[in-house]
């Protein structure tokens, strides 16, 4: 049971960026500058600490979310997608004239019981 997924279109862009930049990491912080959008960085450019929660991997790329942001999203399944347009962030897809975004849906009762065990 997964908490996060990626669309085919977003996965194509992710693979293109992996080829160009090497190891990558997604992070969603909830802060300023499109912080509530998933941002993609070169792995060594992103500092993680105990407040970052690993939601899963998308095509081998770890997806982390800040703990405070996770509290708002923990009852949802997230799907990373891509759209035309420039976000206000330093995410690697921005120079391509694209930006990653999140689609969400509430977890089913079964998913919630499994993914949010007390």
PDB file of N, CA and C in Angstrom:
ATOM      1  N   UNK A   1       0.849  -1.168   0.000  1.00  0.00           N
ATOM      2  CA  UNK A   1       0.000   0.000   0.000  1.00  0.00           C
ATOM      3  C   UNK A   1       0.898   1.235   0.000  1.00  0.00           C
ATOM      4  N   UNK A   2       0.697   2.110  -0.967  1.00  0.00           N
ATOM      5  CA  UNK A   2       1.538   3.289  -1.108  1.00  0.00           C
ATOM      6  C   UNK A   2       0.791   4.553  -0.714  1.00  0.00           C
ATOM      7  N   UNK A   3       1.520   5.491  -0.196  1.00  0.00           N
ATOM      8  CA  UNK A   3       0.983   6.790   0.179  1.00  0.00           C
ATOM      9  C   UNK A   3       1.133   7.796  -0.966  1.00  0.00           C
ATOM     10  N   UNK A   4       2.006   7.475  -1.920  1.00  0.00           N
ATOM     11  CA  UNK A   4       2.329   8.428  -2.980  1.00  0.00           C
ATOM     12  C   UNK A   4       2.524   7.703  -4.306  1.00  0.00           C
ATOM     13  N   UNK A   5       2.168   8.387  -5.405  1.00  0.00           N
ATOM     14  CA  UNK A   5       2.307   7.831  -6.756  1.00  0.00           C
ATOM     15  C   UNK A   5       2.741   8.961  -7.690  1.00  0.00           C
ATOM     16  N   UNK A   6       2.989   8.614  -8.947  1.00  0.00           N
ATOM     17  CA  UNK A   6       3.397   9.601  -9.948  1.00  0.00           C
ATOM     18  C   UNK A   6       2.709   9.267 -11.267  1.00  0.00           C
ATOM     19  N   UNK A   7       2.283  10.302 -11.986  1.00  0.00           N
ATOM     20  CA  UNK A   7       1.668  10.071 -13.290  1.00  0.00           C
ATOM     21  C   UNK A   7       2.741   9.711 -14.315  1.00  0.00           C
ATOM     22  N   UNK A   8       2.309   9.139 -15.429  1.00  0.00           N
ATOM     23  CA  UNK A   8       3.260   8.780 -16.491  1.00  0.00           C
ATOM     24  C   UNK A   8       3.983  10.011 -17.032  1.00  0.00           C
ATOM     25  N   UNK A   9       3.243  11.105 -17.245  1.00  0.00           N
ATOM     26  CA  UNK A   9       3.870  12.331 -17.767  1.00  0.00           C
ATOM     27  C   UNK A   9       4.913  12.872 -16.803  1.00  0.00           C
ATOM     28  N   UNK A  10       4.590  12.898 -15.522  1.00  0.00           N
ATOM     29  CA  UNK A  10       5.541  13.389 -14.528  1.00  0.00           C
ATOM     30  C   UNK A  10       6.751  12.459 -14.429  1.00  0.00           C
ATOM     31  N   UNK A  11       6.517  11.158 -14.566  1.00  0.00           N
ATOM     32  CA  UNK A  11       7.611  10.187 -14.513  1.00  0.00           C
ATOM     33  C   UNK A  11       8.572  10.383 -15.691  1.00  0.00           C
ATOM     34  N   UNK A  12       8.046  10.727 -16.857  1.00  0.00           N
ATOM     35  CA  UNK A  12       8.911  11.000 -18.020  1.00  0.00           C
ATOM     36  C   UNK A  12       9.831  12.188 -17.748  1.00  0.00           C
ATOM     37  N   UNK A  13       9.278  13.253 -17.182  1.00  0.00           N
ATOM     38  CA  UNK A  13      10.082  14.435 -16.854  1.00  0.00           C
ATOM     39  C   UNK A  13      11.096  14.084 -15.767  1.00  0.00           C
ATOM     40  N   UNK A  14      10.670  13.311 -14.774  1.00  0.00           N
ATOM     41  CA  UNK A  14      11.573  12.899 -13.712  1.00  0.00           C
ATOM     42  C   UNK A  14      12.753  12.116 -14.269  1.00  0.00           C
ATOM     43  N   UNK A  15      12.496  11.190 -15.181  1.00  0.00           N
ATOM     44  CA  UNK A  15      13.583  10.409 -15.788  1.00  0.00           C
ATOM     45  C   UNK A  15      14.537  11.308 -16.580  1.00  0.00           C
ATOM     46  N   UNK A  16      13.987  12.277 -17.295  1.00  0.00           N
ATOM     47  CA  UNK A  16      14.819  13.233 -18.044  1.00  0.00           C
ATOM     48  C   UNK A  16      15.734  13.995 -17.079  1.00  0.00           C
ATOM     49  N   UNK A  17      15.187  14.430 -15.960  1.00  0.00           N
ATOM     50  CA  UNK A  17      15.968  15.198 -14.994  1.00  0.00           C
ATOM     51  C   UNK A  17      16.977  14.315 -14.260  1.00  0.00           C
ATOM     52  N   UNK A  18      16.643  13.056 -14.014  1.00  0.00           N
ATOM     53  CA  UNK A  18      17.601  12.127 -13.414  1.00  0.00           C
ATOM     54  C   UNK A  18      18.791  11.923 -14.342  1.00  0.00           C
ATOM     55  N   UNK A  19      18.531  11.813 -15.637  1.00  0.00           N
ATOM     56  CA  UNK A  19      19.614  11.632 -16.607  1.00  0.00           C
ATOM     57  C   UNK A  19      20.557  12.829 -16.622  1.00  0.00           C
ATOM     58  N   UNK A  20      19.987  14.006 -16.459  1.00  0.00           N
ATOM     59  CA  UNK A  20      20.787  15.238 -16.509  1.00  0.00           C
ATOM     60  C   UNK A  20      21.509  15.527 -15.193  1.00  0.00           C
ATOM     61  N   UNK A  21      20.840  15.287 -14.053  1.00  0.00           N
ATOM     62  CA  UNK A  21      21.357  15.746 -12.768  1.00  0.00           C
ATOM     63  C   UNK A  21      21.841  14.646 -11.832  1.00  0.00           C
ATOM     64  N   UNK A  22      21.582  13.395 -12.135  1.00  0.00           N
ATOM     65  CA  UNK A  22      21.996  12.312 -11.240  1.00  0.00           C
ATOM     66  C   UNK A  22      20.980  12.054 -10.143  1.00  0.00           C
ATOM     67  N   UNK A  23      21.469  11.738  -8.933  1.00  0.00           N
ATOM     68  CA  UNK A  23      20.571  11.410  -7.815  1.00  0.00           C
ATOM     69  C   UNK A  23      19.760  12.625  -7.397  1.00  0.00           C
ATOM     70  N   UNK A  24      18.450  12.391  -7.239  1.00  0.00           N
ATOM     71  CA  UNK A  24      17.515  13.476  -6.935  1.00  0.00           C
ATOM     72  C   UNK A  24      16.708  13.156  -5.688  1.00  0.00           C
ATOM     73  N   UNK A  25      16.019  14.189  -5.191  1.00  0.00           N
ATOM     74  CA  UNK A  25      15.146  14.040  -4.049  1.00  0.00           C
ATOM     75  C   UNK A  25      13.965  15.001  -4.198  1.00  0.00           C
ATOM     76  N   UNK A  26      12.758  14.508  -3.910  1.00  0.00           N
ATOM     77  CA  UNK A  26      11.577  15.367  -3.828  1.00  0.00           C
ATOM     78  C   UNK A  26      11.425  15.824  -2.380  1.00  0.00           C
ATOM     79  N   UNK A  27      10.975  17.069  -2.207  1.00  0.00           N
ATOM     80  CA  UNK A  27      10.672  17.571  -0.875  1.00  0.00           C
ATOM     81  C   UNK A  27       9.478  18.505  -0.962  1.00  0.00           C
ATOM     82  N   UNK A  28       8.592  18.380   0.005  1.00  0.00           N
ATOM     83  CA  UNK A  28       7.428  19.269   0.094  1.00  0.00           C
ATOM     84  C   UNK A  28       7.420  19.831   1.513  1.00  0.00           C
ATOM     85  N   UNK A  29       7.641  21.146   1.615  1.00  0.00           N
ATOM     86  CA  UNK A  29       7.867  21.729   2.933  1.00  0.00           C
ATOM     87  C   UNK A  29       6.667  22.448   3.519  1.00  0.00           C
ATOM     88  N   UNK A  30       5.847  23.055   2.691  1.00  0.00           N
ATOM     89  CA  UNK A  30       4.762  23.876   3.205  1.00  0.00           C
ATOM     90  C   UNK A  30       5.178  25.302   3.433  1.00  0.00           C
ATOM     91  N   UNK A  31       6.428  25.622   3.153  1.00  0.00           N
ATOM     92  CA  UNK A  31       6.933  26.977   3.359  1.00  0.00           C
ATOM     93  C   UNK A  31       6.621  27.888   2.191  1.00  0.00           C
ATOM     94  N   UNK A  32       7.370  28.949   2.075  1.00  0.00           N
ATOM     95  CA  UNK A  32       7.147  29.939   1.017  1.00  0.00           C
ATOM     96  C   UNK A  32       7.638  29.422  -0.333  1.00  0.00           C
ATOM     97  N   UNK A  33       7.465  30.214  -1.350  1.00  0.00           N
ATOM     98  CA  UNK A  33       8.002  29.929  -2.687  1.00  0.00           C
ATOM     99  C   UNK A  33       7.547  28.574  -3.217  1.00  0.00           C
ATOM    100  N   UNK A  34       6.272  28.376  -3.312  1.00  0.00           N
ATOM    101  CA  UNK A  34       5.718  27.104  -3.789  1.00  0.00           C
ATOM    102  C   UNK A  34       6.020  25.942  -2.853  1.00  0.00           C
ATOM    103  N   UNK A  35       6.253  26.211  -1.579  1.00  0.00           N
ATOM    104  CA  UNK A  35       6.623  25.174  -0.627  1.00  0.00           C
ATOM    105  C   UNK A  35       5.595  24.079  -0.465  1.00  0.00           C
ATOM    106  N   UNK A  36       4.326  24.365  -0.762  1.00  0.00           N
ATOM    107  CA  UNK A  36       3.321  23.309  -0.663  1.00  0.00           C
ATOM    108  C   UNK A  36       3.255  22.478  -1.937  1.00  0.00           C
ATOM    109  N   UNK A  37       4.086  22.806  -2.907  1.00  0.00           N
ATOM    110  CA  UNK A  37       4.231  21.998  -4.121  1.00  0.00           C
ATOM    111  C   UNK A  37       5.456  21.111  -3.963  1.00  0.00           C
ATOM    112  N   UNK A  38       5.447  19.954  -4.615  1.00  0.00           N
ATOM    113  CA  UNK A  38       6.643  19.113  -4.539  1.00  0.00           C
ATOM    114  C   UNK A  38       7.787  19.769  -5.302  1.00  0.00           C
ATOM    115  N   UNK A  39       8.936  19.825  -4.673  1.00  0.00           N
ATOM    116  CA  UNK A  39      10.112  20.402  -5.323  1.00  0.00           C
ATOM    117  C   UNK A  39      11.168  19.328  -5.487  1.00  0.00           C
ATOM    118  N   UNK A  40      11.852  19.369  -6.615  1.00  0.00           N
ATOM    119  CA  UNK A  40      12.856  18.373  -6.961  1.00  0.00           C
ATOM    120  C   UNK A  40      14.229  19.018  -6.917  1.00  0.00           C
ATOM    121  N   UNK A  41      15.136  18.379  -6.178  1.00  0.00           N
ATOM    122  CA  UNK A  41      16.486  18.900  -6.025  1.00  0.00           C
ATOM    123  C   UNK A  41      17.503  17.799  -6.282  1.00  0.00           C
ATOM    124  N   UNK A  42      18.745  18.206  -6.589  1.00  0.00           N
ATOM    125  CA  UNK A  42      19.834  17.249  -6.575  1.00  0.00           C
ATOM    126  C   UNK A  42      19.987  16.798  -5.128  1.00  0.00           C
ATOM    127  N   UNK A  43      20.220  15.509  -4.941  1.00  0.00           N
ATOM    128  CA  UNK A  43      20.203  14.940  -3.589  1.00  0.00           C
ATOM    129  C   UNK A  43      21.129  15.682  -2.635  1.00  0.00           C
ATOM    130  N   UNK A  44      22.325  16.022  -3.075  1.00  0.00           N
ATOM    131  CA  UNK A  44      23.280  16.674  -2.180  1.00  0.00           C
ATOM    132  C   UNK A  44      22.931  18.138  -1.885  1.00  0.00           C
ATOM    133  N   UNK A  45      21.964  18.700  -2.616  1.00  0.00           N
ATOM    134  CA  UNK A  45      21.547  20.084  -2.385  1.00  0.00           C
ATOM    135  C   UNK A  45      20.438  20.216  -1.343  1.00  0.00           C
ATOM    136  N   UNK A  46      19.930  19.086  -0.857  1.00  0.00           N
ATOM    137  CA  UNK A  46      18.806  19.129   0.085  1.00  0.00           C
ATOM    138  C   UNK A  46      19.244  18.590   1.435  1.00  0.00           C
ATOM    139  N   UNK A  47      19.136  19.422   2.464  1.00  0.00           N
ATOM    140  CA  UNK A  47      19.446  19.003   3.825  1.00  0.00           C
ATOM    141  C   UNK A  47      18.170  18.494   4.484  1.00  0.00           C
ATOM    142  N   UNK A  48      18.207  17.270   4.954  1.00  0.00           N
ATOM    143  CA  UNK A  48      17.076  16.675   5.657  1.00  0.00           C
ATOM    144  C   UNK A  48      17.412  16.560   7.137  1.00  0.00           C
ATOM    145  N   UNK A  49      16.386  16.654   7.983  1.00  0.00           N
ATOM    146  CA  UNK A  49      16.593  16.431   9.407  1.00  0.00           C
ATOM    147  C   UNK A  49      15.442  15.601   9.958  1.00  0.00           C
ATOM    148  N   UNK A  50      15.365  15.483  11.283  1.00  0.00           N
ATOM    149  CA  UNK A  50      14.359  14.620  11.908  1.00  0.00           C
ATOM    150  C   UNK A  50      12.930  15.099  11.677  1.00  0.00           C
ATOM    151  N   UNK A  51      12.750  16.312  11.168  1.00  0.00           N
ATOM    152  CA  UNK A  51      11.396  16.808  10.896  1.00  0.00           C
ATOM    153  C   UNK A  51      10.896  16.439   9.502  1.00  0.00           C
ATOM    154  N   UNK A  52      11.713  15.739   8.720  1.00  0.00           N
ATOM    155  CA  UNK A  52      11.315  15.321   7.375  1.00  0.00           C
ATOM    156  C   UNK A  52      10.914  13.848   7.379  1.00  0.00           C
ATOM    157  N   UNK A  53       9.766  13.563   6.787  1.00  0.00           N
ATOM    158  CA  UNK A  53       9.199  12.214   6.780  1.00  0.00           C
ATOM    159  C   UNK A  53       9.268  11.655   5.362  1.00  0.00           C
ATOM    160  N   UNK A  54       9.803  10.448   5.225  1.00  0.00           N
ATOM    161  CA  UNK A  54       9.854   9.765   3.932  1.00  0.00           C
ATOM    162  C   UNK A  54       8.485   9.177   3.637  1.00  0.00           C
ATOM    163  N   UNK A  55       7.846   9.649   2.550  1.00  0.00           N
ATOM    164  CA  UNK A  55       6.534   9.132   2.162  1.00  0.00           C
ATOM    165  C   UNK A  55       6.652   7.921   1.245  1.00  0.00           C
ATOM    166  N   UNK A  56       7.753   7.815   0.538  1.00  0.00           N
ATOM    167  CA  UNK A  56       7.953   6.710  -0.392  1.00  0.00           C
ATOM    168  C   UNK A  56       8.948   7.096  -1.460  1.00  0.00           C
ATOM    169  N   UNK A  57       9.074   6.223  -2.448  1.00  0.00           N
ATOM    170  CA  UNK A  57       9.972   6.475  -3.579  1.00  0.00           C
ATOM    171  C   UNK A  57       9.165   6.472  -4.858  1.00  0.00           C
ATOM    172  N   UNK A  58       9.523   7.376  -5.747  1.00  0.00           N
ATOM    173  CA  UNK A  58       8.909   7.481  -7.068  1.00  0.00           C
ATOM    174  C   UNK A  58       9.998   7.262  -8.097  1.00  0.00           C
ATOM    175  N   UNK A  59       9.954   6.151  -8.789  1.00  0.00           N
ATOM    176  CA  UNK A  59      10.979   5.812  -9.780  1.00  0.00           C
ATOM    177  C   UNK A  59      12.382   5.930  -9.190  1.00  0.00           C
ATOM    178  N   UNK A  60      12.541   5.471  -7.966  1.00  0.00           N
ATOM    179  CA  UNK A  60      13.841   5.485  -7.305  1.00  0.00           C
ATOM    180  C   UNK A  60      14.198   6.796  -6.632  1.00  0.00           C
ATOM    181  N   UNK A  61      13.323   7.787  -6.679  1.00  0.00           N
ATOM    182  CA  UNK A  61      13.586   9.095  -6.068  1.00  0.00           C
ATOM    183  C   UNK A  61      12.770   9.200  -4.775  1.00  0.00           C
ATOM    184  N   UNK A  62      13.449   9.406  -3.666  1.00  0.00           N
ATOM    185  CA  UNK A  62      12.779   9.539  -2.377  1.00  0.00           C
ATOM    186  C   UNK A  62      11.943  10.810  -2.334  1.00  0.00           C
ATOM    187  N   UNK A  63      10.754  10.703  -1.728  1.00  0.00           N
ATOM    188  CA  UNK A  63       9.854  11.843  -1.572  1.00  0.00           C
ATOM    189  C   UNK A  63       9.664  12.089  -0.082  1.00  0.00           C
ATOM    190  N   UNK A  64      10.135  13.254   0.377  1.00  0.00           N
ATOM    191  CA  UNK A  64      10.033  13.644   1.775  1.00  0.00           C
ATOM    192  C   UNK A  64       9.061  14.801   1.931  1.00  0.00           C
ATOM    193  N   UNK A  65       8.443  14.850   3.105  1.00  0.00           N
ATOM    194  CA  UNK A  65       7.560  15.954   3.445  1.00  0.00           C
ATOM    195  C   UNK A  65       7.893  16.393   4.866  1.00  0.00           C
ATOM    196  N   UNK A  66       7.895  17.702   5.071  1.00  0.00           N
ATOM    197  CA  UNK A  66       8.109  18.235   6.399  1.00  0.00           C
ATOM    198  C   UNK A  66       7.013  17.737   7.336  1.00  0.00           C
ATOM    199  N   UNK A  67       7.378  17.434   8.559  1.00  0.00           N
ATOM    200  CA  UNK A  67       6.451  16.867   9.541  1.00  0.00           C
ATOM    201  C   UNK A  67       5.206  17.729   9.739  1.00  0.00           C
ATOM    202  N   UNK A  68       5.363  19.042   9.822  1.00  0.00           N
ATOM    203  CA  UNK A  68       4.203  19.921  10.004  1.00  0.00           C
ATOM    204  C   UNK A  68       3.251  19.827   8.821  1.00  0.00           C
ATOM    205  N   UNK A  69       3.800  19.790   7.611  1.00  0.00           N
ATOM    206  CA  UNK A  69       2.991  19.654   6.402  1.00  0.00           C
ATOM    207  C   UNK A  69       2.313  18.281   6.376  1.00  0.00           C
ATOM    208  N   UNK A  70       3.055  17.255   6.805  1.00  0.00           N
ATOM    209  CA  UNK A  70       2.518  15.896   6.825  1.00  0.00           C
ATOM    210  C   UNK A  70       1.269  15.800   7.700  1.00  0.00           C
ATOM    211  N   UNK A  71       1.212  16.524   8.797  1.00  0.00           N
ATOM    212  CA  UNK A  71       0.039  16.497   9.666  1.00  0.00           C
ATOM    213  C   UNK A  71      -1.238  16.877   8.913  1.00  0.00           C
ATOM    214  N   UNK A  72      -1.122  17.784   7.949  1.00  0.00           N
ATOM    215  CA  UNK A  72      -2.277  18.187   7.139  1.00  0.00           C
ATOM    216  C   UNK A  72      -2.613  17.147   6.061  1.00  0.00           C
ATOM    217  N   UNK A  73      -1.612  16.424   5.571  1.00  0.00           N
ATOM    218  CA  UNK A  73      -1.770  15.545   4.419  1.00  0.00           C
ATOM    219  C   UNK A  73      -1.822  14.061   4.775  1.00  0.00           C
ATOM    220  N   UNK A  74      -1.646  13.675   6.042  1.00  0.00           N
ATOM    221  CA  UNK A  74      -1.484  12.267   6.382  1.00  0.00           C
ATOM    222  C   UNK A  74      -2.709  11.405   6.073  1.00  0.00           C
ATOM    223  N   UNK A  75      -3.852  12.002   5.868  1.00  0.00           N
ATOM    224  CA  UNK A  75      -5.062  11.239   5.557  1.00  0.00           C
ATOM    225  C   UNK A  75      -5.367  11.224   4.061  1.00  0.00           C
ATOM    226  N   UNK A  76      -4.358  11.570   3.259  1.00  0.00           N
ATOM    227  CA  UNK A  76      -4.554  11.619   1.809  1.00  0.00           C
ATOM    228  C   UNK A  76      -3.524  10.768   1.073  1.00  0.00           C
ATOM    229  N   UNK A  77      -3.937  10.307  -0.099  1.00  0.00           N
ATOM    230  CA  UNK A  77      -3.014   9.682  -1.046  1.00  0.00           C
ATOM    231  C   UNK A  77      -2.617  10.787  -2.011  1.00  0.00           C
ATOM    232  N   UNK A  78      -1.331  10.901  -2.285  1.00  0.00           N
ATOM    233  CA  UNK A  78      -0.817  11.968  -3.140  1.00  0.00           C
ATOM    234  C   UNK A  78      -0.317  11.403  -4.461  1.00  0.00           C
ATOM    235  N   UNK A  79      -0.623  12.113  -5.532  1.00  0.00           N
ATOM    236  CA  UNK A  79      -0.107  11.754  -6.847  1.00  0.00           C
ATOM    237  C   UNK A  79       0.617  12.961  -7.418  1.00  0.00           C
ATOM    238  N   UNK A  80       1.901  12.773  -7.741  1.00  0.00           N
ATOM    239  CA  UNK A  80       2.703  13.836  -8.345  1.00  0.00           C
ATOM    240  C   UNK A  80       2.386  13.880  -9.833  1.00  0.00           C
ATOM    241  N   UNK A  81       2.099  15.069 -10.320  1.00  0.00           N
ATOM    242  CA  UNK A  81       1.811  15.293 -11.733  1.00  0.00           C
ATOM    243  C   UNK A  81       2.682  16.450 -12.217  1.00  0.00           C
ATOM    244  N   UNK A  82       2.592  16.769 -13.485  1.00  0.00           N
ATOM    245  CA  UNK A  82       3.368  17.854 -14.092  1.00  0.00           C
ATOM    246  C   UNK A  82       2.426  18.705 -14.928  1.00  0.00           C
ATOM    247  N   UNK A  83       2.696  20.003 -14.975  1.00  0.00           N
ATOM    248  CA  UNK A  83       1.890  20.902 -15.788  1.00  0.00           C
ATOM    249  C   UNK A  83       2.781  21.981 -16.383  1.00  0.00           C
ATOM    250  N   UNK A  84       2.305  22.606 -17.436  1.00  0.00           N
ATOM    251  CA  UNK A  84       3.037  23.727 -18.014  1.00  0.00           C
ATOM    252  C   UNK A  84       2.927  24.919 -17.085  1.00  0.00           C
ATOM    253  N   UNK A  85       3.959  25.722 -17.069  1.00  0.00           N
ATOM    254  CA  UNK A  85       3.967  26.925 -16.244  1.00  0.00           C
ATOM    255  C   UNK A  85       5.165  26.929 -15.329  1.00  0.00           C
ATOM    256  N   UNK A  86       5.492  28.103 -14.861  1.00  0.00           N
ATOM    257  CA  UNK A  86       6.654  28.249 -13.993  1.00  0.00           C
ATOM    258  C   UNK A  86       6.197  28.510 -12.572  1.00  0.00           C
ATOM    259  N   UNK A  87       6.669  27.705 -11.657  1.00  0.00           N
ATOM    260  CA  UNK A  87       6.409  27.946 -10.245  1.00  0.00           C
ATOM    261  C   UNK A  87       7.419  28.938  -9.706  1.00  0.00           C
ATOM    262  N   UNK A  88       7.259  29.318  -8.469  1.00  0.00           N
ATOM    263  CA  UNK A  88       8.167  30.264  -7.820  1.00  0.00           C
ATOM    264  C   UNK A  88       9.124  29.504  -6.911  1.00  0.00           C
ATOM    265  N   UNK A  89       9.860  28.564  -7.477  1.00  0.00           N
ATOM    266  CA  UNK A  89      10.770  27.761  -6.662  1.00  0.00           C
ATOM    267  C   UNK A  89      12.063  27.500  -7.418  1.00  0.00           C
ATOM    268  N   UNK A  90      12.937  26.771  -6.765  1.00  0.00           N
ATOM    269  CA  UNK A  90      14.216  26.390  -7.355  1.00  0.00           C
ATOM    270  C   UNK A  90      14.196  24.942  -7.817  1.00  0.00           C
ATOM    271  N   UNK A  91      13.013  24.375  -7.978  1.00  0.00           N
ATOM    272  CA  UNK A  91      12.870  22.996  -8.394  1.00  0.00           C
ATOM    273  C   UNK A  91      13.454  22.797  -9.791  1.00  0.00           C
ATOM    274  N   UNK A  92      14.035  21.634 -10.033  1.00  0.00           N
ATOM    275  CA  UNK A  92      14.799  21.385 -11.261  1.00  0.00           C
ATOM    276  C   UNK A  92      13.982  21.429 -12.547  1.00  0.00           C
ATOM    277  N   UNK A  93      12.667  21.234 -12.473  1.00  0.00           N
ATOM    278  CA  UNK A  93      11.856  21.250 -13.701  1.00  0.00           C
ATOM    279  C   UNK A  93      11.518  22.671 -14.164  1.00  0.00           C
ATOM    280  N   UNK A  94      11.686  23.666 -13.326  1.00  0.00           N
ATOM    281  CA  UNK A  94      11.279  25.037 -13.644  1.00  0.00           C
ATOM    282  C   UNK A  94      11.913  25.556 -14.934  1.00  0.00           C
ATOM    283  N   UNK A  95      13.222  25.353 -15.180  1.00  0.00           N
ATOM    284  CA  UNK A  95      13.802  25.842 -16.448  1.00  0.00           C
ATOM    285  C   UNK A  95      13.190  25.217 -17.706  1.00  0.00           C
ATOM    286  N   UNK A  96      12.485  24.093 -17.547  1.00  0.00           N
ATOM    287  CA  UNK A  96      11.826  23.446 -18.684  1.00  0.00           C
ATOM    288  C   UNK A  96      10.469  24.084 -18.988  1.00  0.00           C
ATOM    289  N   UNK A  97      10.064  25.073 -18.175  1.00  0.00           N
ATOM    290  CA  UNK A  97       8.744  25.682 -18.346  1.00  0.00           C
ATOM    291  C   UNK A  97       7.638  24.799 -17.804  1.00  0.00           C
ATOM    292  N   UNK A  98       8.000  23.937 -16.860  1.00  0.00           N
ATOM    293  CA  UNK A  98       7.062  22.988 -16.251  1.00  0.00           C
ATOM    294  C   UNK A  98       7.148  23.112 -14.741  1.00  0.00           C
ATOM    295  N   UNK A  99       6.144  22.535 -14.065  1.00  0.00           N
ATOM    296  CA  UNK A  99       6.226  22.452 -12.610  1.00  0.00           C
ATOM    297  C   UNK A  99       5.460  21.227 -12.136  1.00  0.00           C
ATOM    298  N   UNK A 100       6.010  20.623 -11.096  1.00  0.00           N
ATOM    299  CA  UNK A 100       5.334  19.492 -10.472  1.00  0.00           C
ATOM    300  C   UNK A 100       4.214  20.025  -9.591  1.00  0.00           C
ATOM    301  N   UNK A 101       3.162  19.235  -9.464  1.00  0.00           N
ATOM    302  CA  UNK A 101       2.053  19.571  -8.575  1.00  0.00           C
ATOM    303  C   UNK A 101       1.507  18.286  -7.982  1.00  0.00           C
ATOM    304  N   UNK A 102       0.641  18.447  -6.980  1.00  0.00           N
ATOM    305  CA  UNK A 102       0.069  17.305  -6.265  1.00  0.00           C
ATOM    306  C   UNK A 102      -1.433  17.228  -6.518  1.00  0.00           C
ATOM    307  N   UNK A 103      -1.913  16.024  -6.809  1.00  0.00           N
ATOM    308  CA  UNK A 103      -3.338  15.711  -6.771  1.00  0.00           C
ATOM    309  C   UNK A 103      -3.520  14.855  -5.532  1.00  0.00           C
ATOM    310  N   UNK A 104      -4.592  15.074  -4.802  1.00  0.00           N
ATOM    311  CA  UNK A 104      -4.793  14.280  -3.597  1.00  0.00           C
ATOM    312  C   UNK A 104      -6.214  13.728  -3.546  1.00  0.00           C
ATOM    313  N   UNK A 105      -6.334  12.646  -2.801  1.00  0.00           N
ATOM    314  CA  UNK A 105      -7.639  12.075  -2.499  1.00  0.00           C
ATOM    315  C   UNK A 105      -7.550  11.545  -1.078  1.00  0.00           C
ATOM    316  N   UNK A 106      -8.681  11.469  -0.397  1.00  0.00           N
ATOM    317  CA  UNK A 106      -8.683  10.900   0.943  1.00  0.00           C
ATOM    318  C   UNK A 106      -8.337   9.414   0.879  1.00  0.00           C
ATOM    319  N   UNK A 107      -7.609   8.953   1.869  1.00  0.00           N
ATOM    320  CA  UNK A 107      -7.324   7.528   1.965  1.00  0.00           C
ATOM    321  C   UNK A 107      -8.618   6.769   2.235  1.00  0.00           C
ATOM    322  N   UNK A 108      -8.693   5.552   1.730  1.00  0.00           N
ATOM    323  CA  UNK A 108      -9.818   4.699   2.088  1.00  0.00           C
ATOM    324  C   UNK A 108      -9.661   4.308   3.558  1.00  0.00           C
ATOM    325  N   UNK A 109     -10.706   3.757   4.156  1.00  0.00           N
ATOM    326  CA  UNK A 109     -10.607   3.318   5.558  1.00  0.00           C
ATOM    327  C   UNK A 109      -9.493   2.298   5.734  1.00  0.00           C
ATOM    328  N   UNK A 110      -9.379   1.384   4.795  1.00  0.00           N
ATOM    329  CA  UNK A 110      -8.337   0.359   4.865  1.00  0.00           C
ATOM    330  C   UNK A 110      -6.947   0.986   4.742  1.00  0.00           C
ATOM    331  N   UNK A 111      -6.758   1.895   3.772  1.00  0.00           N
ATOM    332  CA  UNK A 111      -5.472   2.569   3.611  1.00  0.00           C
ATOM    333  C   UNK A 111      -5.116   3.356   4.869  1.00  0.00           C
ATOM    334  N   UNK A 112      -6.094   4.087   5.402  1.00  0.00           N
ATOM    335  CA  UNK A 112      -5.848   4.899   6.590  1.00  0.00           C
ATOM    336  C   UNK A 112      -5.435   4.028   7.778  1.00  0.00           C
ATOM    337  N   UNK A 113      -6.121   2.896   7.965  1.00  0.00           N
ATOM    338  CA  UNK A 113      -5.785   1.985   9.066  1.00  0.00           C
ATOM    339  C   UNK A 113      -4.367   1.456   8.919  1.00  0.00           C
ATOM    340  N   UNK A 114      -3.957   1.151   7.699  1.00  0.00           N
ATOM    341  CA  UNK A 114      -2.622   0.598   7.464  1.00  0.00           C
ATOM    342  C   UNK A 114      -1.530   1.660   7.509  1.00  0.00           C
ATOM    343  N   UNK A 115      -1.756   2.793   6.875  1.00  0.00           N
ATOM    344  CA  UNK A 115      -0.709   3.808   6.747  1.00  0.00           C
ATOM    345  C   UNK A 115      -0.579   4.723   7.948  1.00  0.00           C
ATOM    346  N   UNK A 116      -1.627   4.844   8.741  1.00  0.00           N
ATOM    347  CA  UNK A 116      -1.592   5.751   9.892  1.00  0.00           C
ATOM    348  C   UNK A 116      -1.793   4.993  11.205  1.00  0.00           C
ATOM    349  N   UNK A 117      -1.084   3.867  11.325  1.00  0.00           N
ATOM    350  CA  UNK A 117      -1.171   3.071  12.561  1.00  0.00           C
ATOM    351  C   UNK A 117      -0.701   3.905  13.736  1.00  0.00           C
ATOM    352  N   UNK A 118      -1.410   3.770  14.848  1.00  0.00           N
ATOM    353  CA  UNK A 118      -1.014   4.498  16.064  1.00  0.00           C
ATOM    354  C   UNK A 118       0.052   3.735  16.807  1.00  0.00           C
TER     355      UNK A 118
END
